[in-house]
Amino acid sequence: MTKAMRLRPPFSIVAMAWLACSVAPVAHAQLTYGYDLSWNDCIGLPGAAANIDYACDGSRDGNPFKLVISFVSPYDLPKFAGAQANLNFRTQSLILLPDWWRFGVDECREGSIDFPGGRTGIGTGTTGACVDPWSPDSSGGGFRWSTHGDGGGAPGFGFLRLGFAQFPSGPIQAGQRYFLPPILIDPADPESCDGCDLPGCIAVTVVELYQDIGTPPQDNVIMEYRPINRLFVTWQGGQIGGFGCPAEVPTKRATWGAIKAIYR
């Protein structure tokens, strides 16, 4: 049994492993691979943004903010079946995550974050700079939000874990940029839930790509802290304690099986 290939920069990160399975030997990686994060659309496309400044006045009610993760595989994946990603949320309140960013059950903004959002208007369709790789009628996903991590720790952080899959699987090409459906953040309730005006950062820490089990060159590709252009986006300018972004800690990764269990 060989191991799934980890693709990461040469600095220390928390080791992560996928649910054990048999995989084929890996191919040589291309020069450009990894992922990026942007507001509104795929990074590099018109309308995509690195920062959102919002007046917190309810003017965007009914028009949610969109976070878009795009990715480039280092290998051709002939039976691409799905992807998983982890994100960290942090604001200028270093000790306690403000109510406006608390999306968990029984928290101030329960129900104000959603995934997957609609893909219409995102990317460049079936060709171009940022391709939609998902089948239109047989794909789905889900997410989990936790404040302060699972059961404690990492004060001042929120963690989002999401997954999206399709059946039947389909091919994606090395070196081509693709995108995940957008993450939607409802801008409503800026007055009843404090903290909308505080600068913050949102960073992607892991993106994992999955194939049907046993498909060469390997079942899954794990890209940890591997931005091509941008690891994080900012909210209200994003300066945290004078040190800028990202001020991140690693998240504990959910298994692919756990993500599949929460598909909606």
Protein backbone atom coordinates (compact mmCIF):
# COMPACT_ATOMS: atom_id res chain seq x y z
CA MET A 1 0.00 0.00 0.00
CA THR A 2 1.40 3.33 -0.96
CA LYS A 3 0.46 6.63 0.61
CA ALA A 4 -1.42 9.54 -0.86
CA MET A 5 0.89 12.29 -2.03
CA ARG A 6 1.19 15.42 0.15
CA LEU A 7 1.94 18.65 -1.66
CA ARG A 8 3.17 21.43 0.58
CA PRO A 9 5.76 24.19 0.93
CA PRO A 10 9.00 23.61 2.84
CA PHE A 11 7.83 24.88 6.23
CA SER A 12 6.38 23.11 9.23
CA ILE A 13 2.67 22.28 9.25
CA VAL A 14 0.51 19.83 11.14
CA ALA A 15 0.59 16.39 9.50
CA MET A 16 -2.74 15.22 8.10
CA ALA A 17 -3.79 11.85 6.73
CA TRP A 18 -6.74 10.60 4.75
CA LEU A 19 -8.80 7.50 5.52
CA ALA A 20 -6.50 4.63 4.54
CA CYS A 21 -6.98 3.15 1.08
CA SER A 22 -4.92 1.57 -1.70
CA VAL A 23 -3.49 4.03 -4.19
CA ALA A 24 -1.32 3.78 -7.25
CA PRO A 25 2.22 5.19 -7.50
CA VAL A 26 2.27 8.93 -8.05
CA ALA A 27 3.39 10.82 -11.13
CA HIS A 28 5.75 13.80 -11.24
CA ALA A 29 4.09 17.07 -10.26
CA GLN A 30 3.71 20.00 -12.59
CA LEU A 31 5.38 23.30 -11.72
CA THR A 32 2.17 25.20 -10.89
CA TYR A 33 -0.44 23.68 -8.63
CA GLY A 34 -2.28 24.53 -5.45
CA TYR A 35 -5.26 26.70 -4.61
CA ASP A 36 -6.42 30.29 -4.14
CA LEU A 37 -9.19 32.14 -2.33
CA SER A 38 -11.11 35.19 -3.51
CA TRP A 39 -14.30 37.09 -2.89
CA ASN A 40 -17.01 37.13 -5.58
CA ASP A 41 -15.37 34.95 -8.26
CA CYS A 42 -12.26 32.96 -9.17
CA ILE A 43 -9.06 34.84 -8.51
CA GLY A 44 -7.94 36.82 -11.56
CA LEU A 45 -11.41 37.22 -13.07
CA PRO A 46 -13.21 40.57 -13.28
CA GLY A 47 -15.03 41.29 -10.04
CA ALA A 48 -12.85 39.01 -7.91
CA ALA A 49 -11.56 40.77 -4.79
CA ALA A 50 -8.99 40.25 -2.06
CA ASN A 51 -10.85 42.40 0.49
CA ILE A 52 -14.43 43.32 1.34
CA ASP A 53 -15.27 46.62 3.02
CA TYR A 54 -18.87 46.64 4.23
CA ALA A 55 -20.73 49.45 5.98
CA CYS A 56 -22.62 46.93 8.15
CA ASP A 57 -25.80 48.86 7.45
CA GLY A 58 -27.97 46.09 6.02
CA SER A 59 -27.55 47.39 2.47
CA ARG A 60 -26.50 43.93 1.25
CA ASP A 61 -29.49 42.15 2.80
CA GLY A 62 -30.56 39.42 0.39
CA ASN A 63 -27.28 39.61 -1.54
CA PRO A 64 -24.84 37.29 0.25
CA PHE A 65 -21.08 37.64 0.10
CA LYS A 66 -19.39 34.84 -1.85
CA LEU A 67 -16.10 33.13 -1.06
CA VAL A 68 -14.65 31.18 -3.99
CA ILE A 69 -11.93 28.54 -3.66
CA SER A 70 -10.21 27.66 -6.92
CA PHE A 71 -7.63 24.93 -7.39
CA VAL A 72 -5.10 23.52 -9.85
CA SER A 73 -4.20 19.84 -9.73
CA PRO A 74 -0.59 18.75 -10.28
CA TYR A 75 -1.80 15.65 -12.15
CA ASP A 76 -4.43 14.68 -14.67
CA LEU A 77 -7.21 13.06 -12.64
CA PRO A 78 -9.35 10.99 -15.03
CA LYS A 79 -12.00 10.11 -12.43
CA PHE A 80 -12.23 13.22 -10.27
CA ALA A 81 -15.00 12.57 -7.74
CA GLY A 82 -14.87 15.42 -5.25
CA ALA A 83 -12.96 17.87 -3.09
CA GLN A 84 -12.67 18.87 0.54
CA ALA A 85 -11.37 22.13 2.04
CA ASN A 86 -10.73 23.64 5.47
CA LEU A 87 -10.85 27.36 6.27
CA ASN A 88 -9.97 29.44 9.33
CA PHE A 89 -11.84 32.64 10.25
CA ARG A 90 -10.19 35.24 12.50
CA THR A 91 -10.98 38.84 13.44
CA GLN A 92 -9.31 41.66 15.31
CA SER A 93 -10.90 40.29 18.49
CA LEU A 94 -8.05 37.90 19.32
CA ILE A 95 -9.62 36.37 22.43
CA LEU A 96 -13.23 35.83 21.42
CA LEU A 97 -14.79 35.39 17.99
CA PRO A 98 -17.41 38.17 17.68
CA ASP A 99 -21.09 37.30 17.44
CA TRP A 100 -21.29 38.39 13.79
CA TRP A 101 -18.94 35.52 12.86
CA ARG A 102 -20.63 32.92 15.06
CA PHE A 103 -22.52 30.68 12.64
CA GLY A 104 -22.95 27.61 14.85
CA VAL A 105 -26.11 26.08 16.28
CA ASP A 106 -27.74 28.38 18.86
CA GLU A 107 -25.18 31.12 18.09
CA CYS A 108 -26.04 34.67 17.05
CA ARG A 109 -25.70 34.08 13.30
CA GLU A 110 -26.91 30.50 13.03
CA GLY A 111 -27.93 29.83 9.44
CA SER A 112 -26.05 32.83 8.02
CA ILE A 113 -23.37 30.74 6.31
CA ASP A 114 -24.13 28.19 3.61
CA PHE A 115 -22.41 25.82 1.22
CA PRO A 116 -22.71 24.93 -1.61
CA GLY A 117 -23.90 28.14 -3.21
CA GLY A 118 -25.11 28.30 -6.80
CA ARG A 119 -22.41 28.21 -9.48
CA THR A 120 -24.17 30.47 -11.97
CA GLY A 121 -22.00 33.50 -12.70
CA ILE A 122 -18.88 31.93 -11.16
CA GLY A 123 -15.87 31.03 -13.29
CA THR A 124 -15.75 30.71 -17.07
CA GLY A 125 -17.99 27.72 -17.77
CA THR A 126 -16.63 24.56 -19.38
CA THR A 127 -13.56 26.27 -20.86
CA GLY A 128 -11.34 29.24 -20.06
CA ALA A 129 -9.37 30.48 -17.09
CA CYS A 130 -11.51 28.94 -14.32
CA VAL A 131 -13.59 25.91 -15.29
CA ASP A 132 -16.66 24.44 -13.59
CA PRO A 133 -15.78 20.70 -13.28
CA TRP A 134 -19.05 19.62 -11.63
CA SER A 135 -21.85 17.65 -13.25
CA PRO A 136 -25.04 19.73 -13.31
CA ASP A 137 -27.52 17.20 -11.91
CA SER A 138 -25.59 14.69 -9.81
CA SER A 139 -23.39 16.61 -7.41
CA GLY A 140 -23.81 17.75 -3.82
CA GLY A 141 -22.00 18.72 -0.67
CA GLY A 142 -22.16 19.98 2.86
CA PHE A 143 -20.24 21.76 5.60
CA ARG A 144 -19.54 21.94 9.31
CA TRP A 145 -18.89 25.11 11.26
CA SER A 146 -17.26 25.24 14.68
CA THR A 147 -16.40 28.20 16.88
CA HIS A 148 -13.21 27.90 18.97
CA GLY A 149 -12.48 24.55 17.36
CA ASP A 150 -14.06 21.22 18.27
CA GLY A 151 -14.69 21.25 21.99
CA GLY A 152 -12.42 24.18 22.79
CA GLY A 153 -8.98 25.55 21.99
CA ALA A 154 -7.92 28.20 19.48
CA PRO A 155 -9.85 31.10 21.04
CA GLY A 156 -10.88 33.78 18.60
CA PHE A 157 -11.12 31.39 15.65
CA GLY A 158 -13.92 29.90 13.62
CA PHE A 159 -13.40 26.79 11.51
CA LEU A 160 -15.25 25.77 8.36
CA ARG A 161 -14.95 22.31 6.82
CA LEU A 162 -16.65 21.57 3.56
CA GLY A 163 -16.90 18.89 0.93
CA PHE A 164 -18.41 18.55 -2.51
CA ALA A 165 -18.70 15.43 -4.67
CA GLN A 166 -20.17 14.20 -7.92
CA PHE A 167 -21.33 10.95 -9.45
CA PRO A 168 -20.35 9.81 -11.94
CA SER A 169 -16.80 11.08 -11.68
CA GLY A 170 -15.21 13.00 -14.52
CA PRO A 171 -11.77 14.12 -15.75
CA ILE A 172 -9.82 17.21 -14.76
CA GLN A 173 -6.49 18.26 -16.23
CA ALA A 174 -3.20 19.20 -14.62
CA GLY A 175 -2.43 22.91 -14.85
CA GLN A 176 -6.06 23.96 -15.43
CA ARG A 177 -7.82 26.08 -12.79
CA TYR A 178 -11.16 24.79 -11.47
CA PHE A 179 -13.43 26.03 -8.71
CA LEU A 180 -15.54 24.81 -5.84
CA PRO A 181 -19.07 26.17 -5.48
CA PRO A 182 -19.10 29.43 -3.52
CA ILE A 183 -19.46 29.72 0.25
CA LEU A 184 -22.29 32.14 1.02
CA ILE A 185 -22.21 34.56 3.97
CA ASP A 186 -25.49 36.36 4.67
CA PRO A 187 -24.86 40.07 5.40
CA ALA A 188 -28.07 40.51 7.41
CA ASP A 189 -28.26 41.24 11.18
CA PRO A 190 -25.31 43.69 11.39
CA GLU A 191 -26.88 45.42 14.40
CA SER A 192 -28.14 42.50 16.48
CA CYS A 193 -24.87 40.55 16.19
CA ASP A 194 -21.82 42.65 17.10
CA GLY A 195 -18.49 42.48 15.27
CA CYS A 196 -19.33 43.09 11.62
CA ASP A 197 -17.10 46.17 11.61
CA LEU A 198 -13.99 44.42 12.95
CA PRO A 199 -11.16 43.66 10.49
CA GLY A 200 -10.65 39.97 9.84
CA CYS A 201 -8.96 37.28 7.79
CA ILE A 202 -10.24 34.09 6.17
CA ALA A 203 -7.61 31.55 5.10
CA VAL A 204 -7.75 28.20 3.33
CA THR A 205 -5.45 25.73 5.06
CA VAL A 206 -6.12 22.52 3.12
CA VAL A 207 -7.64 21.50 -0.20
CA GLU A 208 -7.96 17.80 -1.04
CA LEU A 209 -8.91 16.33 -4.41
CA TYR A 210 -10.41 12.84 -4.66
CA GLN A 211 -10.72 10.23 -7.39
CA ASP A 212 -12.58 6.94 -7.54
CA ILE A 213 -10.59 4.51 -5.40
CA GLY A 214 -7.87 2.72 -7.33
CA THR A 215 -7.67 5.22 -10.20
CA PRO A 216 -4.13 6.18 -11.33
CA PRO A 217 -2.09 8.18 -10.64
CA GLN A 218 -3.52 8.18 -7.07
CA ASP A 219 -6.75 8.30 -5.12
CA ASN A 220 -6.30 11.71 -3.56
CA VAL A 221 -4.10 14.80 -3.65
CA ILE A 222 -3.62 16.70 -0.38
CA MET A 223 -2.49 20.31 -0.75
CA GLU A 224 -1.66 21.89 2.61
CA TYR A 225 -0.86 25.62 2.82
CA ARG A 226 -0.23 25.59 -0.93
CA PRO A 227 -1.50 28.91 -2.34
CA ILE A 228 -0.65 29.75 -5.93
CA ASN A 229 -1.34 33.46 -5.45
CA ARG A 230 -3.43 33.98 -2.31
CA LEU A 231 -3.81 31.93 0.87
CA PHE A 232 -6.32 34.31 2.46
CA VAL A 233 -8.80 37.11 1.89
CA THR A 234 -9.57 39.98 4.24
CA TRP A 235 -12.65 41.60 5.74
CA GLN A 236 -12.69 45.35 6.50
CA GLY A 237 -8.99 45.58 5.64
CA GLY A 238 -7.89 42.60 7.68
CA GLN A 239 -5.27 44.09 10.00
CA ILE A 240 -5.08 41.92 13.11
CA GLY A 241 -3.21 43.29 16.11
CA GLY A 242 -0.91 45.26 13.81
CA PHE A 243 0.54 42.07 12.33
CA GLY A 244 -1.66 41.74 9.26
CA CYS A 245 -2.82 38.39 7.84
CA PRO A 246 -2.78 35.54 8.13
CA ALA A 247 -2.65 34.96 11.86
CA GLU A 248 -3.69 31.36 11.51
CA VAL A 249 -3.45 28.04 13.29
CA PRO A 250 -3.93 24.62 11.67
CA THR A 251 -7.32 22.94 11.88
CA LYS A 252 -8.12 19.35 12.71
CA ARG A 253 -9.24 17.80 9.44
CA ALA A 254 -12.47 15.86 9.09
CA THR A 255 -12.34 12.59 7.14
CA TRP A 256 -13.83 12.29 3.67
CA GLY A 257 -16.35 9.84 5.09
CA ALA A 258 -17.48 12.37 7.68
CA ILE A 259 -17.93 15.03 5.02
CA LYS A 260 -19.99 12.66 2.86
CA ALA A 261 -22.21 11.95 5.86
CA ILE A 262 -23.31 15.58 6.05
CA TYR A 263 -24.24 16.07 2.38
CA ARG A 264 -27.49 17.92 2.10
